[in-house]
Protein backbone atom coordinates (compact mmCIF):
# COMPACT_ATOMS: atom_id res chain seq x y z
CA MET A 1 79.43 38.51 55.12
CA GLY A 2 77.50 40.32 57.94
CA THR A 3 79.07 41.88 61.09
CA LEU A 4 80.84 39.89 63.76
CA TRP A 5 77.89 40.18 66.16
CA SER A 6 75.53 38.56 63.30
CA GLN A 7 77.49 35.19 63.77
CA GLU A 8 75.77 32.58 65.70
CA SER A 9 76.54 32.78 69.43
CA THR A 10 75.30 31.45 72.69
CA PRO A 11 73.23 33.85 74.69
CA GLU A 12 75.93 34.13 77.38
CA GLU A 13 78.49 35.19 74.56
CA ARG A 14 76.14 37.95 73.15
CA PRO A 15 76.82 41.57 74.31
CA PRO A 16 73.90 43.22 76.08
CA VAL A 17 71.38 44.81 73.80
CA GLU A 18 71.42 48.74 73.98
CA GLY A 19 68.54 49.75 76.31
CA SER A 20 68.68 46.69 78.35
CA ARG A 21 69.45 46.86 82.13
CA PRO A 22 72.95 45.58 82.00
CA TRP A 23 74.05 48.17 79.18
CA ALA A 24 72.70 50.98 81.20
CA VAL A 25 74.66 49.88 84.27
CA ALA A 26 77.87 49.46 82.30
CA ARG A 27 77.31 52.85 80.77
CA ARG A 28 76.84 54.69 84.01
CA VAL A 29 80.05 53.03 85.32
CA LEU A 30 82.14 54.09 82.30
CA THR A 31 80.89 57.84 82.58
CA ALA A 32 81.78 57.91 86.24
CA ILE A 33 85.28 56.64 85.63
CA GLN A 34 85.81 59.12 82.91
CA VAL A 35 84.60 61.95 85.11
CA LEU A 36 86.79 60.83 88.03
CA GLY A 37 89.79 60.62 85.67
CA LEU A 38 89.13 64.03 84.43
CA LEU A 39 88.93 65.61 88.04
CA LEU A 40 92.07 63.79 88.91
CA CYS A 41 94.14 65.13 85.94
CA PHE A 42 92.73 68.53 86.46
CA SER A 43 93.74 68.36 90.21
CA VAL A 44 97.41 67.20 89.22
CA LEU A 45 97.52 70.03 86.60
CA LEU A 46 96.41 72.67 89.31
CA PHE A 47 98.92 71.44 91.73
CA TYR A 48 101.62 71.38 89.06
CA ILE A 49 100.89 74.99 87.97
CA PHE A 50 100.70 76.39 91.62
CA GLN A 51 103.93 74.27 92.55
CA ASN A 52 105.96 75.44 89.61
CA CYS A 53 104.57 79.03 88.64
CA GLY A 54 104.21 80.27 92.08
CA PRO A 55 107.34 81.87 94.05
CA ARG A 56 109.36 79.15 95.69
CA PRO A 57 111.37 79.85 98.79
CA CYS A 58 115.05 80.50 98.20
CA GLU A 59 116.84 78.23 100.79
CA THR A 60 120.49 78.95 99.87
CA SER A 61 122.74 80.24 102.51
CA VAL A 62 122.92 83.80 100.92
CA CYS A 63 119.17 83.85 100.79
CA LEU A 64 118.84 82.69 104.49
CA ASP A 65 121.55 85.28 105.61
CA LEU A 66 119.66 87.94 103.75
CA ARG A 67 116.37 86.84 105.55
CA ASP A 68 118.02 86.99 108.82
CA HIS A 69 119.69 90.48 107.91
CA TYR A 70 116.12 91.85 107.10
CA LEU A 71 114.71 90.44 110.37
CA ALA A 72 117.46 91.93 112.39
CA SER A 73 117.62 95.23 110.89
CA GLY A 74 113.76 95.99 110.62
CA ASN A 75 110.96 96.20 113.00
CA THR A 76 107.84 94.17 112.03
CA SER A 77 105.67 95.63 114.79
CA VAL A 78 105.60 98.92 112.79
CA ALA A 79 102.66 99.44 110.36
CA PRO A 80 104.20 99.36 106.76
CA CYS A 81 101.48 101.75 105.38
CA THR A 82 102.26 104.59 107.87
CA ASP A 83 105.93 104.23 108.60
CA PHE A 84 107.72 101.87 106.12
CA PHE A 85 111.02 103.36 107.04
CA GLY A 86 110.54 102.10 110.81
CA PHE A 87 109.30 98.77 109.27
CA ALA A 88 112.53 98.42 107.22
CA CYS A 89 115.11 100.10 109.21
CA GLY A 90 113.92 100.75 112.85
CA ARG A 91 115.37 97.85 114.79
CA VAL A 92 114.81 97.77 118.49
CA LYS A 93 118.33 99.43 119.20
CA GLY A 94 118.89 102.26 116.95
CA THR A 95 118.56 102.49 113.06
CA TYR A 96 120.44 100.38 110.87
CA ASN A 97 123.00 102.25 108.62
CA SER A 98 123.19 100.21 105.23
CA PHE A 99 126.05 101.97 103.46
CA GLN A 100 128.15 102.26 106.59
CA GLU A 101 127.78 98.55 107.32
CA LEU A 102 128.53 97.57 103.80
CA ALA A 103 131.61 99.89 103.77
CA THR A 104 132.95 98.16 106.97
CA LYS A 105 132.28 94.61 105.55
CA ASN A 106 134.35 95.64 102.43
CA LYS A 107 137.13 96.90 104.70
CA ASN A 108 136.89 93.59 106.69
CA ARG A 109 137.33 91.67 103.50
CA LEU A 110 140.38 93.55 102.55
CA ARG A 111 141.71 92.79 106.01
CA ARG A 112 141.24 89.22 105.49
CA ILE A 113 143.07 89.52 102.22
CA LEU A 114 145.96 91.36 103.70
CA GLU A 115 146.31 88.97 106.72
CA ALA A 116 146.19 85.83 104.64
CA ARG A 117 149.44 84.00 104.21
CA ASN A 118 150.44 84.12 100.81
CA SER A 119 153.68 83.87 98.81
CA TRP A 120 154.26 86.65 96.32
CA TYR A 121 156.73 87.47 93.68
CA SER A 122 159.55 89.47 95.13
CA GLY A 123 159.34 93.28 94.61
CA SER A 124 155.77 92.80 93.31
CA GLY A 125 152.86 95.36 94.32
CA GLU A 126 151.33 92.51 96.47
CA GLU A 127 154.39 91.79 98.48
CA LYS A 128 154.91 95.56 99.28
CA ALA A 129 151.27 96.04 100.06
CA PHE A 130 151.35 93.21 102.51
CA GLN A 131 154.60 94.29 104.05
CA PHE A 132 153.23 97.84 104.52
CA TYR A 133 150.06 96.66 106.11
CA ASN A 134 152.07 94.41 108.68
CA SER A 135 154.41 97.09 109.47
CA CYS A 136 151.38 99.35 110.15
CA MET A 137 149.99 96.69 112.34
CA ASP A 138 153.28 96.12 114.27
CA THR A 139 152.53 98.62 117.18
CA ARG A 140 155.21 97.06 119.29
CA ALA A 141 157.95 97.99 116.58
CA ILE A 142 156.35 101.54 116.30
CA GLU A 143 156.34 102.08 120.22
CA ALA A 144 159.88 100.84 120.41
CA ALA A 145 161.08 103.31 117.85
CA GLY A 146 159.52 105.96 119.90
CA THR A 147 159.74 109.59 118.97
CA GLY A 148 163.02 109.03 117.18
CA PRO A 149 161.83 108.83 113.54
CA LEU A 150 159.64 112.01 113.90
CA ARG A 151 162.28 113.79 115.60
CA GLN A 152 164.54 113.07 112.52
CA VAL A 153 161.83 114.48 110.32
CA ILE A 154 161.74 117.62 112.37
CA GLU A 155 165.42 118.06 112.23
CA GLU A 156 165.35 117.74 108.33
CA LEU A 157 162.84 120.62 108.33
CA GLY A 158 165.07 122.91 110.39
CA GLY A 159 164.07 121.72 114.02
CA TRP A 160 161.45 122.84 116.32
CA ARG A 161 161.74 125.84 118.73
CA ILE A 162 160.06 124.01 121.63
CA SER A 163 162.61 121.29 121.63
CA GLY A 164 165.60 123.49 121.65
CA ASN A 165 167.16 122.58 118.28
CA TRP A 166 165.93 125.09 115.73
CA THR A 167 167.70 126.30 112.65
CA SER A 168 165.92 129.30 111.06
CA LEU A 169 165.37 128.24 107.47
CA ASN A 170 163.72 130.00 104.55
CA PHE A 171 160.05 129.78 104.93
CA ASN A 172 159.38 129.06 101.27
CA ARG A 173 161.86 126.22 101.32
CA THR A 174 160.34 124.73 104.53
CA LEU A 175 156.80 125.09 102.79
CA ARG A 176 158.25 123.45 99.63
CA LEU A 177 159.71 120.49 101.64
CA LEU A 178 156.43 119.97 103.52
CA MET A 179 154.28 119.88 100.36
CA SER A 180 156.68 117.83 97.99
CA GLN A 181 158.33 115.43 100.27
CA TYR A 182 155.93 114.99 103.34
CA GLY A 183 152.40 115.42 101.45
CA HIS A 184 151.43 118.13 104.08
CA PHE A 185 149.63 121.29 103.17
CA PRO A 186 149.51 123.69 106.11
CA PHE A 187 148.30 126.95 104.69
CA PHE A 188 146.64 125.93 101.36
CA ARG A 189 146.07 122.88 99.26
CA ALA A 190 147.88 122.45 95.89
CA TYR A 191 147.28 119.39 93.84
CA LEU A 192 147.29 118.29 90.18
CA GLY A 193 143.96 117.09 88.55
CA PRO A 194 142.23 117.03 85.17
CA HIS A 195 140.19 120.11 83.89
CA PRO A 196 136.42 119.14 84.26
CA ALA A 197 135.67 119.82 80.44
CA SER A 198 137.06 117.83 77.62
CA PRO A 199 140.03 117.24 76.69
CA HIS A 200 140.69 117.27 80.55
CA THR A 201 144.00 119.12 80.36
CA PRO A 202 145.81 118.78 83.88
CA VAL A 203 145.57 121.77 85.87
CA ILE A 204 147.11 122.73 89.28
CA GLN A 205 144.10 123.35 91.65
CA ILE A 206 144.53 125.64 94.77
CA ASP A 207 142.11 125.32 97.60
CA GLN A 208 141.72 126.12 101.22
CA PRO A 209 143.51 124.06 103.77
CA GLU A 210 141.85 121.31 105.95
CA PHE A 211 142.45 122.13 109.38
CA ASP A 212 142.13 119.70 112.28
CA VAL A 213 139.74 122.20 114.31
CA PRO A 214 136.36 122.85 112.69
CA LEU A 215 134.89 126.16 111.92
CA LYS A 216 133.12 127.71 114.69
CA GLN A 217 129.35 127.75 114.78
CA ASP A 218 127.24 129.99 116.90
CA GLN A 219 124.73 127.26 117.60
CA GLU A 220 127.34 124.99 118.50
CA GLN A 221 129.12 126.87 121.07
CA LYS A 222 129.31 124.39 123.82
CA THR A 223 130.47 121.50 121.57
CA TYR A 224 132.96 123.69 119.69
CA ALA A 225 134.61 124.69 123.16
CA GLN A 226 134.74 121.01 124.06
CA ILE A 227 136.58 120.20 120.68
CA PHE A 228 138.84 123.26 121.31
CA ARG A 229 140.03 122.15 124.71
CA GLU A 230 140.46 118.51 123.44
CA TYR A 231 142.62 119.71 120.53
CA LEU A 232 144.85 121.95 122.76
CA THR A 233 145.30 119.20 125.08
CA TYR A 234 146.43 117.12 122.28
CA LEU A 235 148.71 119.66 121.15
CA ASN A 236 150.33 120.01 124.52
CA GLN A 237 150.79 116.26 124.95
CA LEU A 238 152.34 115.95 121.49
CA GLY A 239 154.87 118.71 122.07
CA THR A 240 155.91 117.34 125.41
CA LEU A 241 156.30 113.80 123.89
CA LEU A 242 158.80 115.31 121.32
CA GLY A 243 160.70 116.69 124.30
CA GLY A 244 159.45 120.26 124.68
CA ASP A 245 159.34 122.20 127.79
CA PRO A 246 155.66 122.03 129.02
CA ASN A 247 155.37 125.72 129.35
CA LYS A 248 156.99 126.58 126.07
CA VAL A 249 154.63 123.86 124.46
CA GLN A 250 151.57 125.40 125.82
CA GLU A 251 152.64 128.86 124.51
CA HIS A 252 153.34 127.57 120.97
CA ALA A 253 150.21 125.47 120.99
CA PHE A 254 148.13 128.82 121.71
CA ARG A 255 150.03 130.52 118.93
CA SER A 256 149.24 127.77 116.53
CA LEU A 257 145.48 127.99 117.21
CA ILE A 258 145.45 131.85 116.87
CA ILE A 259 147.19 131.43 113.46
CA THR A 260 144.61 128.91 112.56
CA SER A 261 141.72 131.23 113.58
CA ARG A 262 142.99 134.05 111.56
CA LEU A 263 143.16 131.88 108.60
CA PHE A 264 139.74 130.97 108.91
CA GLN A 265 138.86 134.46 108.03
CA PHE A 266 140.04 134.11 104.63
CA LEU A 267 138.15 130.92 103.81
CA ARG A 268 134.89 130.82 101.79
CA PRO A 269 132.00 132.66 103.89
CA LEU A 270 130.04 130.27 106.03
CA GLU A 271 126.85 131.02 104.42
CA GLN A 272 128.18 130.25 101.04
CA ARG A 273 129.55 127.02 102.18
CA ARG A 274 126.10 126.11 103.63
CA ALA A 275 124.30 126.95 100.30
CA GLN A 276 126.63 124.59 98.47
CA GLY A 277 126.29 121.78 101.04
CA LYS A 278 130.23 121.68 101.70
CA LEU A 279 130.24 121.72 105.60
CA PHE A 280 132.10 119.60 107.85
CA GLN A 281 130.18 117.04 109.87
CA MET A 282 130.00 118.01 113.61
CA VAL A 283 130.41 115.15 116.21
CA THR A 284 130.19 115.29 120.02
CA ILE A 285 133.01 114.48 122.16
CA ASP A 286 131.40 111.14 123.21
CA GLN A 287 131.27 110.29 119.58
CA LEU A 288 135.00 111.09 119.27
CA LYS A 289 136.14 108.88 122.01
CA PRO A 290 135.71 105.39 120.76
CA ALA A 291 138.78 105.19 118.45
CA ARG A 292 138.68 103.15 115.28
CA PRO A 293 140.44 99.84 115.49
CA ARG A 294 143.98 99.62 114.33
CA TRP A 295 143.49 97.43 111.58
CA MET A 296 140.83 99.73 109.90
CA LYS A 297 143.43 102.59 109.83
CA CYS A 298 145.98 100.37 108.49
CA VAL A 299 143.67 99.05 105.70
CA GLU A 300 142.87 102.51 104.68
CA LYS A 301 146.38 103.61 104.46
CA THR A 302 147.44 100.51 102.43
CA GLY A 303 144.59 101.21 100.10
CA THR A 304 145.65 104.87 99.63
CA PHE A 305 149.09 103.72 98.60
CA PHE A 306 148.54 100.49 96.87
CA GLU A 307 145.05 100.85 95.38
CA PRO A 308 145.73 98.96 92.10
CA THR A 309 147.05 95.95 93.96
CA LEU A 310 144.17 96.03 96.64
CA ALA A 311 141.56 96.71 93.75
CA ALA A 312 142.69 93.56 91.83
CA LEU A 313 142.68 91.33 94.95
CA PHE A 314 139.43 92.82 96.21
CA VAL A 315 137.72 92.24 92.73
CA ARG A 316 139.11 88.80 92.24
CA GLU A 317 137.34 87.65 95.44
CA ALA A 318 134.33 89.73 95.70
CA PHE A 319 133.18 90.40 92.00
CA ASP A 320 133.97 87.40 89.98
CA PRO A 321 133.08 87.23 86.31
CA SER A 322 129.56 85.61 86.89
CA THR A 323 128.77 88.47 89.36
CA ARG A 324 129.91 91.07 86.89
CA SER A 325 127.64 89.49 84.19
CA ALA A 326 124.64 89.49 86.41
CA ALA A 327 125.20 93.08 87.32
CA MET A 328 125.43 94.05 83.64
CA GLU A 329 122.28 92.17 82.96
CA LEU A 330 120.51 94.14 85.57
CA PHE A 331 121.80 97.39 84.27
CA THR A 332 120.71 96.60 80.76
CA ALA A 333 117.25 96.04 82.01
CA ILE A 334 117.23 99.26 84.06
CA ARG A 335 118.55 101.09 80.89
CA ASP A 336 115.89 99.51 78.73
CA ALA A 337 113.14 100.58 81.23
CA LEU A 338 114.33 104.15 81.24
CA ILE A 339 114.43 104.49 77.38
CA THR A 340 110.80 103.09 77.36
CA ARG A 341 109.72 105.51 80.09
CA LEU A 342 111.26 108.54 78.04
CA ARG A 343 109.11 107.92 75.33
CA LYS A 344 105.80 108.46 77.41
CA LEU A 345 106.74 111.52 79.35
CA PRO A 346 104.11 114.20 78.82
CA TRP A 347 106.55 117.13 79.31
CA MET A 348 108.85 116.11 76.71
CA ASN A 349 108.22 116.63 73.06
CA GLU A 350 109.41 114.42 70.23
CA GLU A 351 112.66 115.96 69.70
CA THR A 352 113.66 116.06 73.48
CA GLN A 353 112.71 112.53 73.73
CA ASN A 354 114.85 111.57 70.84
CA MET A 355 117.69 113.48 72.38
CA ALA A 356 117.26 112.01 75.71
CA GLN A 357 117.23 108.49 74.31
CA ASP A 358 120.31 109.15 72.34
CA LYS A 359 122.19 110.21 75.51
CA VAL A 360 121.21 107.03 77.22
CA ALA A 361 122.25 104.90 74.15
CA GLN A 362 125.71 106.76 74.21
CA LEU A 363 126.34 106.40 77.96
CA GLN A 364 129.32 104.46 79.12
CA VAL A 365 129.00 102.07 81.99
CA GLU A 366 132.12 101.11 84.21
CA MET A 367 131.37 98.09 86.43
CA GLY A 368 133.40 96.70 89.33
CA ALA A 369 136.70 98.38 88.89
CA SER A 370 138.66 100.37 86.23
CA GLU A 371 140.86 98.48 83.66
CA TRP A 372 143.86 100.40 84.92
CA ALA A 373 143.21 99.00 88.50
CA LEU A 374 143.26 95.60 87.25
CA LYS A 375 146.65 95.47 85.61
CA PRO A 376 149.09 94.04 88.24
CA GLU A 377 151.96 94.45 85.82
CA LEU A 378 151.54 98.40 85.90
CA ALA A 379 151.39 98.21 89.85
CA ARG A 380 154.62 96.18 89.62
CA GLN A 381 156.32 99.05 87.76
CA GLU A 382 154.83 101.95 89.83
CA TYR A 383 155.93 100.55 93.13
CA ARG A 384 159.69 100.24 92.17
CA ASP A 385 160.53 103.49 93.95
CA ILE A 386 159.07 102.62 97.25
CA GLN A 387 161.46 101.77 100.03
CA LEU A 388 159.80 100.19 103.11
CA GLY A 389 161.74 100.77 106.49
CA PRO A 390 163.80 101.10 108.43
CA ASN A 391 160.74 102.31 110.43
CA PHE A 392 156.92 102.70 109.60
CA LEU A 393 157.13 106.59 109.46
CA GLN A 394 159.89 106.23 106.75
CA SER A 395 157.77 103.69 104.87
CA VAL A 396 154.70 106.06 105.02
CA LEU A 397 156.88 108.97 103.75
CA SER A 398 158.39 106.75 100.89
CA CYS A 399 154.87 105.86 100.06
CA VAL A 400 153.68 109.55 99.94
CA ARG A 401 156.50 110.53 97.55
CA SER A 402 155.85 107.48 95.43
CA LEU A 403 152.04 108.25 95.04
CA GLN A 404 152.67 112.10 94.24
CA ALA A 405 155.13 111.16 91.59
CA ARG A 406 152.56 108.71 90.12
CA ILE A 407 149.90 111.21 90.11
CA VAL A 408 152.00 113.66 88.23
CA GLN A 409 153.23 111.15 85.93
CA SER A 410 149.67 110.01 85.14
CA PHE A 411 148.55 113.42 84.30
CA LEU A 412 151.45 113.94 81.85
CA GLN A 413 150.36 110.95 79.80
CA PRO A 414 147.13 110.87 77.65
CA CYS A 415 144.13 109.93 79.28
CA PRO A 416 141.62 108.29 76.92
CA GLN A 417 139.64 106.67 79.55
CA HIS A 418 137.61 107.89 82.68
CA ARG A 419 139.53 108.30 85.76
CA TRP A 420 137.64 106.79 88.86
CA LYS A 421 136.80 108.94 91.62
CA VAL A 422 136.33 106.06 93.91
CA SER A 423 138.07 102.87 94.95
CA PRO A 424 136.66 99.65 93.77
CA TRP A 425 135.92 98.49 97.31
CA GLU A 426 134.05 101.81 98.15
CA VAL A 427 130.25 101.96 98.09
CA ASN A 428 129.47 105.11 96.15
CA ALA A 429 128.09 105.13 92.64
CA TYR A 430 128.35 108.25 90.43
CA TYR A 431 127.84 109.63 87.21
CA SER A 432 130.52 111.79 85.40
CA ILE A 433 129.01 114.65 83.36
CA SER A 434 132.21 115.53 81.76
CA ASP A 435 132.87 111.82 80.54
CA HIS A 436 129.38 110.82 80.25
CA VAL A 437 130.14 107.62 82.21
CA VAL A 438 128.20 105.95 85.12
CA VAL A 439 130.41 104.16 87.57
CA PHE A 440 129.28 101.25 89.87
CA PRO A 441 132.14 100.06 92.11
CA ALA A 442 132.44 96.39 93.12
CA GLY A 443 132.06 97.46 96.63
CA LEU A 444 128.49 98.42 96.08
CA LEU A 445 127.29 95.49 94.31
CA GLN A 446 127.59 93.30 97.35
CA PRO A 447 125.05 91.81 99.95
CA PRO A 448 122.60 93.05 101.11
CA PHE A 449 122.30 95.17 97.81
CA PHE A 450 123.00 92.61 95.18
CA HIS A 451 123.97 88.95 94.72
CA PRO A 452 123.46 86.64 91.56
CA GLY A 453 121.84 84.17 93.82
CA TYR A 454 119.23 86.52 95.44
CA PRO A 455 115.71 86.73 94.27
CA ARG A 456 115.25 89.23 91.43
CA ALA A 457 112.97 91.42 93.60
CA VAL A 458 116.03 92.09 95.79
CA ASN A 459 118.26 93.06 93.20
CA PHE A 460 115.90 95.15 91.31
CA GLY A 461 114.69 96.84 94.36
CA ALA A 462 118.14 97.70 95.79
CA ALA A 463 120.90 97.75 93.26
CA GLY A 464 118.43 98.44 90.35
CA SER A 465 116.94 101.42 92.03
CA ILE A 466 120.51 102.73 92.70
CA MET A 467 121.36 102.17 89.03
CA ALA A 468 118.17 104.10 87.83
CA HIS A 469 118.81 107.01 90.28
CA GLU A 470 122.30 107.48 88.76
CA LEU A 471 120.92 107.28 85.23
CA LEU A 472 118.59 110.22 85.90
CA HIS A 473 121.34 112.45 86.97
CA ILE A 474 121.97 112.56 83.06
CA PHE A 475 118.87 114.74 82.96
CA TYR A 476 119.40 117.09 85.83
CA GLN A 477 119.96 119.80 83.44
CA LEU A 478 116.43 119.57 82.08
CA LEU A 479 114.83 120.12 85.35
CA LEU A 480 116.51 123.41 86.04
CA PRO A 481 114.89 126.77 85.03
CA GLY A 482 115.41 127.28 81.41
CA GLY A 483 117.27 123.99 81.00
CA CYS A 484 114.71 122.61 78.50
CA PRO A 485 113.48 125.30 76.26
CA ALA A 486 111.87 122.59 73.69
CA CYS A 487 109.82 120.99 76.74
CA ASP A 488 106.38 121.83 77.85
CA THR A 489 107.43 124.21 80.41
CA HIS A 490 104.16 124.45 81.88
CA ALA A 491 103.74 120.73 82.44
CA LEU A 492 107.22 120.34 83.80
CA GLN A 493 107.10 123.15 86.38
CA GLU A 494 103.64 121.81 87.69
CA ALA A 495 105.26 118.33 88.07
CA LEU A 496 108.05 119.87 89.94
CA LEU A 497 105.90 122.00 92.14
CA CYS A 498 103.72 119.00 92.81
CA LEU A 499 106.81 117.05 93.97
CA LYS A 500 108.16 119.77 96.31
CA ARG A 501 104.64 120.17 97.90
CA HIS A 502 104.46 116.31 98.31
CA TYR A 503 107.79 116.07 100.15
CA ALA A 504 106.88 119.20 102.40
CA ALA A 505 103.71 117.64 103.55
CA PHE A 506 105.80 114.64 105.17
CA PRO A 507 106.21 114.77 108.91
CA LEU A 508 109.79 114.49 110.07
CA PRO A 509 111.47 113.14 113.18
CA SER A 510 111.99 115.74 115.80
CA GLY A 511 115.34 117.81 115.13
CA THR A 512 115.46 116.72 111.48
CA SER A 513 115.03 119.38 108.68
CA PHE A 514 115.99 119.61 105.00
CA ASN A 515 116.32 122.39 102.33
CA ASP A 516 114.01 121.60 99.71
CA SER A 517 115.81 123.99 97.24
CA LEU A 518 118.92 121.82 97.61
CA THR A 519 117.24 118.51 97.59
CA PHE A 520 114.57 118.63 94.91
CA LEU A 521 116.89 117.15 92.07
CA GLU A 522 117.83 114.17 94.21
CA ASN A 523 114.16 113.79 95.25
CA ALA A 524 113.24 113.70 91.52
CA ALA A 525 115.90 110.99 90.92
CA ASP A 526 114.66 108.88 93.96
CA VAL A 527 111.03 108.83 92.76
CA GLY A 528 112.04 108.12 89.17
CA GLY A 529 114.62 105.66 90.14
CA LEU A 530 112.14 103.64 92.03
CA ALA A 531 109.43 103.85 89.27
CA ILE A 532 112.04 102.77 86.58
CA ALA A 533 113.45 99.86 88.85
CA LEU A 534 109.87 98.65 89.42
CA GLN A 535 108.87 98.79 85.58
CA ALA A 536 112.06 96.88 84.79
CA TYR A 537 111.19 94.31 87.46
CA SER A 538 107.57 93.83 86.32
CA LYS A 539 108.77 93.22 82.85
CA ARG A 540 111.23 90.69 84.00
CA LEU A 541 108.54 88.91 85.80
CA LEU A 542 106.43 88.88 82.72
CA TRP A 543 109.02 87.13 80.49
CA HIS A 544 111.03 85.11 83.08
CA ARG A 545 109.44 82.49 85.34
CA GLY A 546 110.82 81.10 88.49
CA GLU A 547 110.74 83.93 90.85
CA THR A 548 111.88 83.20 94.46
CA VAL A 549 111.20 84.54 97.79
CA LEU A 550 112.89 84.91 101.16
CA PRO A 551 111.61 81.97 103.28
CA ARG A 552 109.44 82.47 106.36
CA LEU A 553 109.37 86.27 105.84
CA ASP A 554 105.76 86.38 104.80
CA LEU A 555 106.33 88.80 101.92
CA SER A 556 105.39 88.39 98.28
CA PRO A 557 107.86 89.17 95.51
CA GLN A 558 106.62 92.79 94.94
CA GLN A 559 106.80 93.49 98.74
CA ILE A 560 110.19 92.23 98.82
CA PHE A 561 111.09 94.61 95.98
CA PHE A 562 110.04 97.64 98.10
CA ARG A 563 111.63 96.21 101.26
CA SER A 564 114.90 95.84 99.54
CA TYR A 565 114.46 99.50 98.20
CA ALA A 566 114.15 100.99 101.67
CA GLN A 567 117.03 98.87 102.85
CA VAL A 568 119.29 100.96 100.88
CA MET A 569 118.00 104.12 102.58
CA CYS A 570 118.45 102.88 106.20
CA ARG A 571 120.68 105.19 108.14
CA GLU A 572 120.53 107.73 110.98
CA PRO A 573 119.45 111.49 110.22
CA SER A 574 122.72 113.65 110.58
CA PRO A 575 122.69 117.10 112.18
CA GLN A 576 123.62 118.71 108.90
CA GLU A 577 120.69 117.42 107.06
CA SER A 578 119.45 120.77 106.20
CA TYR A 579 122.53 121.36 104.21
CA ASP A 580 122.70 118.14 102.33
CA THR A 581 121.59 117.58 98.68
CA HIS A 582 119.86 114.51 99.67
CA SER A 583 116.57 114.53 101.90
CA PRO A 584 116.58 112.82 105.23
CA PRO A 585 116.39 109.08 105.08
CA HIS A 586 112.72 108.91 106.24
CA LEU A 587 111.88 111.23 103.19
CA ARG A 588 114.05 109.10 100.87
CA VAL A 589 111.78 106.14 101.76
CA HIS A 590 108.43 107.51 102.11
CA GLY A 591 108.69 110.04 99.37
CA PRO A 592 109.21 107.59 96.46
CA LEU A 593 107.05 104.89 97.93
CA SER A 594 103.85 107.14 98.31
CA SER A 595 104.40 108.37 94.71
CA THR A 596 104.08 104.71 93.73
CA PRO A 597 100.52 103.39 93.40
CA ALA A 598 101.79 99.71 93.36
CA PHE A 599 103.16 100.08 96.76
CA ALA A 600 99.66 100.71 98.39
CA ARG A 601 98.21 98.04 96.31
CA TYR A 602 100.79 95.34 97.18
CA PHE A 603 100.65 96.24 100.93
CA ARG A 604 96.85 96.77 100.89
CA CYS A 605 97.28 100.31 102.31
CA ALA A 606 93.84 101.99 103.04
CA ARG A 607 93.24 105.11 100.93
CA GLY A 608 94.50 108.20 102.91
CA THR A 609 97.09 106.69 104.99
CA LEU A 610 100.41 108.25 104.80
CA LEU A 611 101.66 106.10 101.95
CA SER A 612 98.63 105.92 100.10
CA PRO A 613 97.62 109.50 99.28
CA SER A 614 94.51 110.48 97.40
CA SER A 615 96.78 112.11 94.73
CA ARG A 616 100.24 111.62 93.32
CA CYS A 617 102.62 113.63 91.18
CA GLN A 618 104.25 112.10 88.05
CA LEU A 619 107.62 113.64 86.86
CA TRP A 620 109.33 110.64 85.31
């Protein structure tokens, strides 16, 4: 039949013959169109890749607040490679204190809860907690009652010689009343608590008293004399207000201080307390003058007596199920990264690695609040014996007696679960050796350390590094002399010695010091915690797309990770830093960062700068 083109047609209908001029022009046009189309498609593809795979700015309110918070607490004029602590924490006016600020925010949240107008079930823990707080805040009623309520208590205890009405009661009876009915321990402290070892049998613990006047230190003669004079003035004013003759009051105030000074001689030696890091915190008179606001004192008192009730209210508002789920997901990623890292430690043999992995696998984690604190029906039963009124002092005493009875009763019952050492609104995580439990209270997992809506870099760098730090407490025993006989002792000691030298080489601010024999375990946890958190974050970036950054901060996701880590450590160095088990805050930032090669890479630090040393230690 022939082809279609073999049929007869007019010259105008016939297609151009290949090789002819019209055909060549048509072919060049088609080729150009194809090339332009491919270029256009490639450009669109590249735009799509960069638009969807690169980090996008997080424009939500929580991210914008965090961005502003970072700008306010840091100092971008400081070079990050030479002073990252100043870069992250050194705002123009003083140093930002991260944990103190977060603790204050949590108390403010409790204040808002307690001051909200709600209708509660009559006689419930919520109603009594709100009534107690309002009574504490009613300073007019407290002032109107005057010294009457306290005078009544003094009379019940036999009176006071300086006020004229004094009955010589049996000393032991008076002491028993003070300790059992009024929660006051003038000469020694006695309280019920669990034995640290399983099965945690309740034991009566006797400890030294906590006096209002601190122990004397030779190097603080001037400050101590000021505190002494201020305390003596306070005693004189107190005795006069209670109806005492000023001359007699002064005489008895001096006697009280003499007795206290003699009791000091029977306390643990000062050098022993220093070695154990158990000293009080010295403050100047100027620091003592600004009194805390009334609402904060009332929040703390209410939290002491009505902890289960406030715990449930705080967690309901600040740590909902979605937040807890996100926190558990973060913890799982950190735990998995630790297990992976344990398999690669050169100083652990296979037997020790398996043992370490089993310990991590058997670890219990408690997040947010204990189950006991979230059962309002228990609180309703426990507060039945609290009688509020007729004045605030009587309310306090009723709460003291109720709390003591609850403590005794709780230790008479079986205790299958770990008893929390912190309240849910506090900001301290910890690991319990005896129960093999790690605890992260809801108060810690709050902005600026954690939020489900934050970029992952923030959560891994801040809360993630804290979680990893606490997990490494499990293995403290291995780092002590003779604590790991199956390990490569030489390699382990070399790594520990390297870490000590590394920290000792860092310059410290004037007036700051530290005892490396006390801090080396916490230093090891700081360095390892950062490395584990970074490993977990890097893995999460590999498997999950869609990372975000804080807008207009000019920091990559990895840089935000390190910035959020440093944010956790922001605080002023304290005068007692040399007796602390933690290094000064500058070292807690610079030590781990300089031990992490990724930090120098992402901040483009020149080799040989403070945070980009020529050699590094590897313990974890």
